[in-house]
Structure formats: C-alpha cells, structure tokens
C-alpha atoms as a PDB file:
ATOM      1  CA  MET A   1     119.883  69.100  39.870  1.00  0.00           C
ATOM      2  CA  ARG A   2     120.281  67.757  36.368  1.00  0.00           C
ATOM      3  CA  THR A   3     120.563  70.573  33.800  1.00  0.00           C
ATOM      4  CA  GLN A   4     118.989  69.933  30.231  1.00  0.00           C
ATOM      5  CA  ARG A   5     121.119  70.823  27.273  1.00  0.00           C
ATOM      6  CA  SER A   6     119.876  71.658  23.853  1.00  0.00           C
ATOM      7  CA  GLN A   7     121.094  69.752  20.743  1.00  0.00           C
ATOM      8  CA  SER A   8     120.798  71.611  17.421  1.00  0.00           C
ATOM      9  CA  THR A   9     120.102  69.969  14.063  1.00  0.00           C
ATOM     10  CA  VAL A  10     120.158  71.891  10.706  1.00  0.00           C
ATOM     11  CA  VAL A  11     117.657  70.595   8.072  1.00  0.00           C
ATOM     12  CA  THR A  12     117.626  71.679   4.403  1.00  0.00           C
ATOM     13  CA  ALA A  13     115.162  70.777   1.684  1.00  0.00           C
ATOM     14  CA  GLY A  14     117.798  68.057   0.513  1.00  0.00           C
ATOM     15  CA  HIS A  15     117.300  66.160   3.846  1.00  0.00           C
ATOM     16  CA  LEU A  16     113.486  65.488   3.125  1.00  0.00           C
ATOM     17  CA  ASP A  17     111.827  63.163   0.913  1.00  0.00           C
ATOM     18  CA  ALA A  18     110.686  65.324  -1.959  1.00  0.00           C
ATOM     19  CA  GLY A  19     107.258  63.718  -1.647  1.00  0.00           C
ATOM     20  CA  ASP A  20     106.819  65.447   1.628  1.00  0.00           C
ATOM     21  CA  PHE A  21     106.590  69.078   0.155  1.00  0.00           C
ATOM     22  CA  GLY A  22     103.213  68.554  -1.376  1.00  0.00           C
ATOM     23  CA  LEU A  23     101.581  67.054   1.742  1.00  0.00           C
ATOM     24  CA  ASN A  24      99.464  68.651   4.344  1.00  0.00           C
ATOM     25  CA  ALA A  25      99.472  67.758   8.001  1.00  0.00           C
ATOM     26  CA  SER A  26      96.778  64.894   7.581  1.00  0.00           C
ATOM     27  CA  GLU A  27      98.586  63.329   4.517  1.00  0.00           C
ATOM     28  CA  LEU A  28     101.880  63.391   6.573  1.00  0.00           C
ATOM     29  CA  ASP A  29     100.222  61.715   9.423  1.00  0.00           C
ATOM     30  CA  ASP A  30      99.117  59.150   7.018  1.00  0.00           C
ATOM     31  CA  LYS A  31     102.398  58.502   5.435  1.00  0.00           C
ATOM     32  CA  TYR A  32     104.504  58.287   8.538  1.00  0.00           C
ATOM     33  CA  ASN A  33     101.968  57.233  11.100  1.00  0.00           C
ATOM     34  CA  PRO A  34      99.735  54.493   9.550  1.00  0.00           C
ATOM     35  CA  SER A  35      99.090  52.574  12.825  1.00  0.00           C
ATOM     36  CA  GLY A  36      99.742  55.356  15.240  1.00  0.00           C
ATOM     37  CA  GLY A  37     102.663  56.096  17.469  1.00  0.00           C
ATOM     38  CA  GLY A  38     104.962  57.069  14.493  1.00  0.00           C
ATOM     39  CA  GLU A  39     106.676  60.286  13.741  1.00  0.00           C
ATOM     40  CA  HIS A  40     108.469  61.929  10.923  1.00  0.00           C
ATOM     41  CA  PRO A  41     111.989  60.654  10.528  1.00  0.00           C
ATOM     42  CA  ILE A  42     113.570  64.052  10.706  1.00  0.00           C
ATOM     43  CA  PHE A  43     111.052  66.251  12.483  1.00  0.00           C
ATOM     44  CA  THR A  44     110.702  64.072  15.649  1.00  0.00           C
ATOM     45  CA  ARG A  45     108.380  64.512  18.490  1.00  0.00           C
ATOM     46  CA  ALA A  46     111.326  65.445  20.662  1.00  0.00           C
ATOM     47  CA  HIS A  47     112.057  68.494  18.426  1.00  0.00           C
ATOM     48  CA  TRP A  48     108.294  69.372  18.605  1.00  0.00           C
ATOM     49  CA  ARG A  49     108.124  69.167  22.419  1.00  0.00           C
ATOM     50  CA  HIS A  50     111.261  71.482  22.531  1.00  0.00           C
ATOM     51  CA  ASP A  51     109.324  73.998  20.490  1.00  0.00           C
ATOM     52  CA  VAL A  52     106.151  73.597  22.583  1.00  0.00           C
ATOM     53  CA  ALA A  53     108.188  74.113  25.739  1.00  0.00           C
ATOM     54  CA  ASP A  54     109.965  77.183  24.344  1.00  0.00           C
ATOM     55  CA  GLU A  55     106.570  78.521  23.195  1.00  0.00           C
ATOM     56  CA  LEU A  56     107.576  78.651  19.537  1.00  0.00           C
ATOM     57  CA  THR A  57     104.550  76.722  18.598  1.00  0.00           C
ATOM     58  CA  VAL A  58     101.131  76.033  19.677  1.00  0.00           C
ATOM     59  CA  CYS A  59     100.304  73.679  16.713  1.00  0.00           C
ATOM     60  CA  GLY A  60      99.680  69.840  17.266  1.00  0.00           C
ATOM     61  CA  TYR A  61     102.545  67.453  16.149  1.00  0.00           C
ATOM     62  CA  TRP A  62     101.477  66.822  12.421  1.00  0.00           C
ATOM     63  CA  GLU A  63     100.752  70.495  11.715  1.00  0.00           C
ATOM     64  CA  TRP A  64     104.001  71.482  13.221  1.00  0.00           C
ATOM     65  CA  VAL A  65     105.685  68.839  10.909  1.00  0.00           C
ATOM     66  CA  SER A  66     103.889  70.246   7.871  1.00  0.00           C
ATOM     67  CA  ASN A  67     104.914  73.872   8.778  1.00  0.00           C
ATOM     68  CA  CYS A  68     108.637  72.628   9.170  1.00  0.00           C
ATOM     69  CA  VAL A  69     108.549  70.942   5.791  1.00  0.00           C
ATOM     70  CA  LYS A  70     107.327  74.105   4.278  1.00  0.00           C
ATOM     71  CA  ASP A  71     110.118  76.169   6.023  1.00  0.00           C
ATOM     72  CA  ALA A  72     112.808  73.808   4.871  1.00  0.00           C
ATOM     73  CA  ALA A  73     111.739  74.137   1.470  1.00  0.00           C
ATOM     74  CA  TYR A  74     112.629  77.806   1.613  1.00  0.00           C
ATOM     75  CA  GLY A  75     115.882  77.557   3.576  1.00  0.00           C
ATOM     76  CA  ASP A  76     117.883  76.097   6.305  1.00  0.00           C
ATOM     77  CA  LEU A  77     115.892  75.146   9.260  1.00  0.00           C
ATOM     78  CA  VAL A  78     117.466  74.758  12.927  1.00  0.00           C
ATOM     79  CA  LEU A  79     115.740  72.197  15.088  1.00  0.00           C
ATOM     80  CA  ASN A  80     116.519  71.917  18.736  1.00  0.00           C
ATOM     81  CA  LYS A  81     115.745  69.227  21.171  1.00  0.00           C
ATOM     82  CA  LEU A  82     116.381  68.667  25.033  1.00  0.00           C
ATOM     83  CA  HIS A  83     118.523  65.871  25.982  1.00  0.00           C
END
C-alpha cells in the first residue's frame, strides 16, 4: 500500500500579486482562469483538494482561493498538499 505524504508550503503576502488582494472569487477566476481549467499560481487545486479531504473547507475552489489571499494578507499561511 502506498502511503501519501503531505508537503507544506508557507505563503506570505509578498508571494502574491498585489492586485489579487482586492479581488473576489469571481474576479480571481476571471484573472487566472479565462478559458477554463486554470488555477491560481500559488493556491493550486492540489492544495484545495488537500483542504477539502481534511475537512478544512467546504468552499468551492475560487472561493477558497479568495479566502487564502485574504488570510495571507494578514500573516503567514501554511498550505499542504498530498503527493
């Protein structure tokens, strides 16, 4: 049986495009996903799936991204993903 391990990444406000801070979920979707299938360059779908699996969020992907952007504006944010 293959064991999945978690990989952690620390994100700070300095890692983000300053323009992201004023955008809501729909606007972030428009910016990073203009033709569908896209994702935020830092807050990836793998990170979101990890949070969903760990029951840390029930949000859809872009709402979760918006919340992460807001959280990173106030301090370090630790993201985890399974690999």
